[in-house]
Amino acid sequence: MIDFSRHQFSTVITLPADYEVYDFTAGYDANRARNSLYGVGKYNEVRQNMYTTALFGNERNIHMGIDLAAPVGEPIKSFADGVVFLFDYNAAPGDYGHTVIIHHVIDGVDLYALYGYLNAASTANKTVGQKVRAGEVIAWVGDEHENGGWNPHLHLQLSYERPLVCDMPGAVSAANREKALLTYPDPQLVLGKLY
């Protein structure tokens, strides 16, 4: 496994001091008051009544990434050197929309990072194997019409498992939680403590 504490990682999205930490344990309330355009959605959070499209089958509600809410067009940077592994448009309602997966090798260990809910420019002109540098802008936050219908944010998810397609289960069922926590480590390991 990777000893993340031995490494310094680049900022993915620059959050202001007043960003909000969301609590989605009771689901998403579209009418709630927002304190900031920026916010953080938690890893390993059980989110009741939030994932309602057919994609989730009414049983996947444990979040396996971190959400970084930001305005549409906000630049997203790679946290470490790597290469573009896959990129695609996941078009199903509730899915990631434009998605990029970067392959990193840290301490000799393969680590894959999925960046989801991006704008269309994020997947244009990408090539598999394209090198990216730590701190390089690799994508931008997408709007609802291009990101699966979600409010503008980045879903960042890490994986020790090599993806077969440009996708990872962003939410898992209770039955799959234990294995998922081993496969998809907490993104705060590269983002730093956010909550």
C-alpha atoms as a PDB file:
ATOM      1  CA  MET A   1       0.000   0.000   0.000  1.00  0.00           C
ATOM      2  CA  ILE A   2       0.968   3.624  -0.392  1.00  0.00           C
ATOM      3  CA  ASP A   3       2.340   5.614   2.524  1.00  0.00           C
ATOM      4  CA  PHE A   4       0.538   8.834   1.580  1.00  0.00           C
ATOM      5  CA  SER A   5       2.105  10.721   4.499  1.00  0.00           C
ATOM      6  CA  ARG A   6       5.501  10.604   2.731  1.00  0.00           C
ATOM      7  CA  HIS A   7       4.235  12.650  -0.198  1.00  0.00           C
ATOM      8  CA  GLN A   8       3.108  16.194  -0.857  1.00  0.00           C
ATOM      9  CA  PHE A   9       0.271  16.479  -3.343  1.00  0.00           C
ATOM     10  CA  SER A  10      -0.904  19.415  -5.462  1.00  0.00           C
ATOM     11  CA  THR A  11      -4.216  21.128  -4.847  1.00  0.00           C
ATOM     12  CA  VAL A  12      -7.045  19.764  -7.023  1.00  0.00           C
ATOM     13  CA  ILE A  13      -9.501  22.651  -6.523  1.00  0.00           C
ATOM     14  CA  THR A  14      -8.624  25.722  -4.510  1.00  0.00           C
ATOM     15  CA  LEU A  15     -11.282  26.047  -1.812  1.00  0.00           C
ATOM     16  CA  PRO A  16     -11.879  29.366  -0.022  1.00  0.00           C
ATOM     17  CA  ALA A  17     -11.805  29.482   3.775  1.00  0.00           C
ATOM     18  CA  ASP A  18     -15.617  29.679   3.972  1.00  0.00           C
ATOM     19  CA  TYR A  19     -16.377  26.442   2.082  1.00  0.00           C
ATOM     20  CA  GLU A  20     -19.257  24.403   3.437  1.00  0.00           C
ATOM     21  CA  VAL A  21     -19.062  20.763   4.574  1.00  0.00           C
ATOM     22  CA  TYR A  22     -22.259  19.065   3.466  1.00  0.00           C
ATOM     23  CA  ASP A  23     -24.313  16.533   5.375  1.00  0.00           C
ATOM     24  CA  PHE A  24     -26.249  14.358   2.928  1.00  0.00           C
ATOM     25  CA  THR A  25     -27.187  11.624   5.405  1.00  0.00           C
ATOM     26  CA  ALA A  26     -30.844  12.620   5.056  1.00  0.00           C
ATOM     27  CA  GLY A  27     -30.561  13.099   1.283  1.00  0.00           C
ATOM     28  CA  TYR A  28     -30.253  16.188  -0.867  1.00  0.00           C
ATOM     29  CA  ASP A  29     -32.447  19.238  -0.312  1.00  0.00           C
ATOM     30  CA  ALA A  30     -32.450  21.443  -3.413  1.00  0.00           C
ATOM     31  CA  ASN A  31     -34.043  24.295  -1.422  1.00  0.00           C
ATOM     32  CA  ARG A  32     -31.494  24.455   1.394  1.00  0.00           C
ATOM     33  CA  ALA A  33     -29.634  27.698   1.979  1.00  0.00           C
ATOM     34  CA  ARG A  34     -26.061  27.634   0.672  1.00  0.00           C
ATOM     35  CA  ASN A  35     -23.339  29.429   2.599  1.00  0.00           C
ATOM     36  CA  SER A  36     -20.795  29.306  -0.229  1.00  0.00           C
ATOM     37  CA  LEU A  37     -20.422  28.330  -3.884  1.00  0.00           C
ATOM     38  CA  TYR A  38     -17.788  25.896  -2.633  1.00  0.00           C
ATOM     39  CA  GLY A  39     -18.360  22.819  -0.528  1.00  0.00           C
ATOM     40  CA  VAL A  40     -17.250  19.317   0.337  1.00  0.00           C
ATOM     41  CA  GLY A  41     -19.342  16.138   0.232  1.00  0.00           C
ATOM     42  CA  LYS A  42     -18.022  13.379   2.478  1.00  0.00           C
ATOM     43  CA  TYR A  43     -16.427  10.029   1.723  1.00  0.00           C
ATOM     44  CA  ASN A  44     -18.068   6.856   3.102  1.00  0.00           C
ATOM     45  CA  GLU A  45     -21.261   8.770   3.899  1.00  0.00           C
ATOM     46  CA  VAL A  46     -24.578   6.919   3.826  1.00  0.00           C
ATOM     47  CA  ARG A  47     -26.849   9.113   1.699  1.00  0.00           C
ATOM     48  CA  GLN A  48     -30.478   8.079   2.037  1.00  0.00           C
ATOM     49  CA  ASN A  49     -32.883   8.896  -0.831  1.00  0.00           C
ATOM     50  CA  MET A  50     -30.205  10.636  -2.887  1.00  0.00           C
ATOM     51  CA  TYR A  51     -29.368   8.183  -5.651  1.00  0.00           C
ATOM     52  CA  THR A  52     -32.753   7.594  -7.199  1.00  0.00           C
ATOM     53  CA  THR A  53     -32.020   6.949 -10.891  1.00  0.00           C
ATOM     54  CA  ALA A  54     -32.051   3.427 -12.334  1.00  0.00           C
ATOM     55  CA  LEU A  55     -28.246   3.501 -12.354  1.00  0.00           C
ATOM     56  CA  PHE A  56     -28.163   2.935  -8.580  1.00  0.00           C
ATOM     57  CA  GLY A  57     -30.906   0.301  -8.300  1.00  0.00           C
ATOM     58  CA  ASN A  58     -32.315   1.782  -5.052  1.00  0.00           C
ATOM     59  CA  GLU A  59     -29.639   0.069  -2.950  1.00  0.00           C
ATOM     60  CA  ARG A  60     -26.361   1.877  -3.651  1.00  0.00           C
ATOM     61  CA  ASN A  61     -26.231   4.832  -1.256  1.00  0.00           C
ATOM     62  CA  ILE A  62     -22.755   4.837   0.381  1.00  0.00           C
ATOM     63  CA  HIS A  63     -20.543   7.487  -1.231  1.00  0.00           C
ATOM     64  CA  MET A  64     -17.063   6.281  -2.285  1.00  0.00           C
ATOM     65  CA  GLY A  65     -15.493   9.561  -3.350  1.00  0.00           C
ATOM     66  CA  ILE A  66     -15.299  13.152  -2.220  1.00  0.00           C
ATOM     67  CA  ASP A  67     -17.404  15.854  -3.837  1.00  0.00           C
ATOM     68  CA  LEU A  68     -15.855  19.281  -4.299  1.00  0.00           C
ATOM     69  CA  ALA A  69     -18.593  21.770  -5.187  1.00  0.00           C
ATOM     70  CA  ALA A  70     -17.404  24.742  -7.207  1.00  0.00           C
ATOM     71  CA  PRO A  71     -18.724  27.085  -9.900  1.00  0.00           C
ATOM     72  CA  VAL A  72     -19.118  25.835 -13.480  1.00  0.00           C
ATOM     73  CA  GLY A  73     -15.802  26.136 -15.295  1.00  0.00           C
ATOM     74  CA  GLU A  74     -13.663  25.954 -12.144  1.00  0.00           C
ATOM     75  CA  PRO A  75     -10.259  24.485 -13.100  1.00  0.00           C
ATOM     76  CA  ILE A  76      -9.409  21.021 -11.778  1.00  0.00           C
ATOM     77  CA  LYS A  77      -5.763  20.015 -11.370  1.00  0.00           C
ATOM     78  CA  SER A  78      -3.985  16.690 -11.102  1.00  0.00           C
ATOM     79  CA  PHE A  79      -2.735  16.016  -7.564  1.00  0.00           C
ATOM     80  CA  ALA A  80       0.359  14.147  -8.844  1.00  0.00           C
ATOM     81  CA  ASP A  81       2.224  13.233 -12.005  1.00  0.00           C
ATOM     82  CA  GLY A  82       0.497  10.561 -14.052  1.00  0.00           C
ATOM     83  CA  VAL A  83      -0.951   9.646 -17.420  1.00  0.00           C
ATOM     84  CA  VAL A  84      -4.435   9.784 -18.873  1.00  0.00           C
ATOM     85  CA  PHE A  85      -5.722   6.235 -18.490  1.00  0.00           C
ATOM     86  CA  LEU A  86      -9.283   6.590 -19.830  1.00  0.00           C
ATOM     87  CA  PHE A  87     -11.752   9.331 -20.704  1.00  0.00           C
ATOM     88  CA  ASP A  88     -15.364   9.149 -21.829  1.00  0.00           C
ATOM     89  CA  TYR A  89     -18.859  10.561 -21.578  1.00  0.00           C
ATOM     90  CA  ASN A  90     -21.090   8.574 -19.201  1.00  0.00           C
ATOM     91  CA  ALA A  91     -24.481   9.747 -20.413  1.00  0.00           C
ATOM     92  CA  ALA A  92     -27.015   7.952 -18.173  1.00  0.00           C
ATOM     93  CA  PRO A  93     -29.106  10.153 -15.844  1.00  0.00           C
ATOM     94  CA  GLY A  94     -27.259  10.422 -12.536  1.00  0.00           C
ATOM     95  CA  ASP A  95     -23.983   9.196 -14.074  1.00  0.00           C
ATOM     96  CA  TYR A  96     -20.665  11.092 -14.233  1.00  0.00           C
ATOM     97  CA  GLY A  97     -21.139  12.804 -17.582  1.00  0.00           C
ATOM     98  CA  HIS A  98     -17.688  13.737 -18.871  1.00  0.00           C
ATOM     99  CA  THR A  99     -15.132  11.650 -16.982  1.00  0.00           C
ATOM    100  CA  VAL A 100     -11.341  11.373 -16.920  1.00  0.00           C
ATOM    101  CA  ILE A 101      -9.289   8.709 -15.125  1.00  0.00           C
ATOM    102  CA  ILE A 102      -5.616   9.412 -14.418  1.00  0.00           C
ATOM    103  CA  HIS A 103      -3.174   6.583 -13.648  1.00  0.00           C
ATOM    104  CA  HIS A 104      -0.546   7.355 -11.011  1.00  0.00           C
ATOM    105  CA  VAL A 105       2.280   5.198  -9.699  1.00  0.00           C
ATOM    106  CA  ILE A 106       3.143   6.161  -6.115  1.00  0.00           C
ATOM    107  CA  ASP A 107       5.687   4.178  -4.090  1.00  0.00           C
ATOM    108  CA  GLY A 108       5.584   1.625  -6.912  1.00  0.00           C
ATOM    109  CA  VAL A 109       1.826   1.129  -6.413  1.00  0.00           C
ATOM    110  CA  ASP A 110      -0.783   1.744  -9.120  1.00  0.00           C
ATOM    111  CA  LEU A 111      -3.419   4.302  -8.124  1.00  0.00           C
ATOM    112  CA  TYR A 112      -6.256   5.406 -10.406  1.00  0.00           C
ATOM    113  CA  ALA A 113      -8.059   8.714  -9.887  1.00  0.00           C
ATOM    114  CA  LEU A 114     -11.502   9.291 -11.392  1.00  0.00           C
ATOM    115  CA  TYR A 115     -12.551  12.883 -12.016  1.00  0.00           C
ATOM    116  CA  GLY A 116     -16.286  13.025 -12.744  1.00  0.00           C
ATOM    117  CA  TYR A 117     -19.015  15.611 -13.520  1.00  0.00           C
ATOM    118  CA  LEU A 118     -16.754  17.570 -15.858  1.00  0.00           C
ATOM    119  CA  ASN A 119     -17.498  19.872 -18.764  1.00  0.00           C
ATOM    120  CA  ALA A 120     -17.182  18.771 -22.389  1.00  0.00           C
ATOM    121  CA  ALA A 121     -13.829  20.524 -22.891  1.00  0.00           C
ATOM    122  CA  SER A 122     -12.368  18.206 -20.244  1.00  0.00           C
ATOM    123  CA  THR A 123     -12.534  15.168 -22.517  1.00  0.00           C
ATOM    124  CA  ALA A 124     -11.820  16.957 -25.807  1.00  0.00           C
ATOM    125  CA  ASN A 125      -8.323  16.513 -27.227  1.00  0.00           C
ATOM    126  CA  LYS A 126      -7.312  13.970 -24.583  1.00  0.00           C
ATOM    127  CA  THR A 127      -5.299  10.903 -25.569  1.00  0.00           C
ATOM    128  CA  VAL A 128      -4.743   7.698 -23.631  1.00  0.00           C
ATOM    129  CA  GLY A 129      -1.185   7.751 -22.293  1.00  0.00           C
ATOM    130  CA  GLN A 130      -0.979  11.546 -22.337  1.00  0.00           C
ATOM    131  CA  LYS A 131       1.339  12.673 -19.530  1.00  0.00           C
ATOM    132  CA  VAL A 132       0.042  15.043 -16.865  1.00  0.00           C
ATOM    133  CA  ARG A 133       2.067  16.860 -14.244  1.00  0.00           C
ATOM    134  CA  ALA A 134       1.186  17.567 -10.639  1.00  0.00           C
ATOM    135  CA  GLY A 135      -0.695  20.880 -10.519  1.00  0.00           C
ATOM    136  CA  GLU A 136      -1.587  20.816 -14.230  1.00  0.00           C
ATOM    137  CA  VAL A 137      -5.160  21.742 -15.165  1.00  0.00           C
ATOM    138  CA  ILE A 138      -6.692  18.559 -16.534  1.00  0.00           C
ATOM    139  CA  ALA A 139     -10.422  19.387 -16.478  1.00  0.00           C
ATOM    140  CA  TRP A 140     -13.141  21.861 -15.514  1.00  0.00           C
ATOM    141  CA  VAL A 141     -16.328  21.583 -13.455  1.00  0.00           C
ATOM    142  CA  GLY A 142     -19.355  20.854 -15.653  1.00  0.00           C
ATOM    143  CA  ASP A 143     -22.913  22.171 -15.611  1.00  0.00           C
ATOM    144  CA  GLU A 144     -26.055  20.087 -15.006  1.00  0.00           C
ATOM    145  CA  HIS A 145     -26.776  19.584 -18.716  1.00  0.00           C
ATOM    146  CA  GLU A 146     -23.424  17.812 -19.227  1.00  0.00           C
ATOM    147  CA  ASN A 147     -22.687  16.152 -15.862  1.00  0.00           C
ATOM    148  CA  GLY A 148     -25.530  13.683 -15.374  1.00  0.00           C
ATOM    149  CA  GLY A 149     -27.940  16.265 -13.939  1.00  0.00           C
ATOM    150  CA  TRP A 150     -26.075  17.178 -10.732  1.00  0.00           C
ATOM    151  CA  ASN A 151     -25.272  20.569  -9.242  1.00  0.00           C
ATOM    152  CA  PRO A 152     -21.795  21.692 -10.363  1.00  0.00           C
ATOM    153  CA  HIS A 153     -19.074  19.785  -8.534  1.00  0.00           C
ATOM    154  CA  LEU A 154     -16.171  17.413  -8.977  1.00  0.00           C
ATOM    155  CA  HIS A 155     -16.443  13.813  -7.817  1.00  0.00           C
ATOM    156  CA  LEU A 156     -12.920  12.599  -7.060  1.00  0.00           C
ATOM    157  CA  GLN A 157     -12.493   8.905  -6.398  1.00  0.00           C
ATOM    158  CA  LEU A 158      -9.318   6.872  -5.907  1.00  0.00           C
ATOM    159  CA  SER A 159      -8.928   3.196  -6.753  1.00  0.00           C
ATOM    160  CA  TYR A 160      -6.251   0.572  -6.219  1.00  0.00           C
ATOM    161  CA  GLU A 161      -8.113  -1.559  -8.753  1.00  0.00           C
ATOM    162  CA  ARG A 162      -7.509  -0.995 -12.463  1.00  0.00           C
ATOM    163  CA  PRO A 163     -10.812   0.094 -14.056  1.00  0.00           C
ATOM    164  CA  LEU A 164     -11.934  -1.830 -17.134  1.00  0.00           C
ATOM    165  CA  VAL A 165     -14.051   1.075 -18.395  1.00  0.00           C
ATOM    166  CA  CYS A 166     -14.086   4.808 -17.687  1.00  0.00           C
ATOM    167  CA  ASP A 167     -16.196   4.398 -14.580  1.00  0.00           C
ATOM    168  CA  MET A 168     -16.101   3.471 -10.893  1.00  0.00           C
ATOM    169  CA  PRO A 169     -19.059   2.878  -8.578  1.00  0.00           C
ATOM    170  CA  GLY A 170     -19.404   6.283  -6.915  1.00  0.00           C
ATOM    171  CA  ALA A 171     -21.890   4.807  -4.475  1.00  0.00           C
ATOM    172  CA  VAL A 172     -22.045   1.221  -3.237  1.00  0.00           C
ATOM    173  CA  SER A 173     -24.517  -0.905  -1.313  1.00  0.00           C
ATOM    174  CA  ALA A 174     -24.108  -1.838   2.349  1.00  0.00           C
ATOM    175  CA  ALA A 175     -23.277  -5.397   1.255  1.00  0.00           C
ATOM    176  CA  ASN A 176     -20.298  -4.104  -0.776  1.00  0.00           C
ATOM    177  CA  ARG A 177     -19.099  -1.434   1.659  1.00  0.00           C
ATOM    178  CA  GLU A 178     -16.271  -3.360   3.346  1.00  0.00           C
ATOM    179  CA  LYS A 179     -14.602  -4.369   0.063  1.00  0.00           C
ATOM    180  CA  ALA A 180     -15.188  -0.910  -1.438  1.00  0.00           C
ATOM    181  CA  LEU A 181     -13.400   0.819   1.457  1.00  0.00           C
ATOM    182  CA  LEU A 182     -10.303  -1.282   0.707  1.00  0.00           C
ATOM    183  CA  THR A 183     -10.498  -0.745  -3.050  1.00  0.00           C
ATOM    184  CA  TYR A 184     -11.428   2.957  -3.016  1.00  0.00           C
ATOM    185  CA  PRO A 185      -9.387   4.775  -0.354  1.00  0.00           C
ATOM    186  CA  ASP A 186     -10.400   8.132   1.138  1.00  0.00           C
ATOM    187  CA  PRO A 187      -9.464  10.951  -1.288  1.00  0.00           C
ATOM    188  CA  GLN A 188      -8.444  13.058   1.714  1.00  0.00           C
ATOM    189  CA  LEU A 189      -5.213  11.031   1.560  1.00  0.00           C
ATOM    190  CA  VAL A 190      -4.257  13.202  -1.448  1.00  0.00           C
ATOM    191  CA  LEU A 191      -6.494  16.240  -0.835  1.00  0.00           C
ATOM    192  CA  GLY A 192      -5.567  16.767   2.803  1.00  0.00           C
ATOM    193  CA  LYS A 193      -8.016  16.943   5.695  1.00  0.00           C
ATOM    194  CA  LEU A 194     -11.193  18.718   4.547  1.00  0.00           C
ATOM    195  CA  TYR A 195     -13.621  17.962   7.409  1.00  0.00           C
END
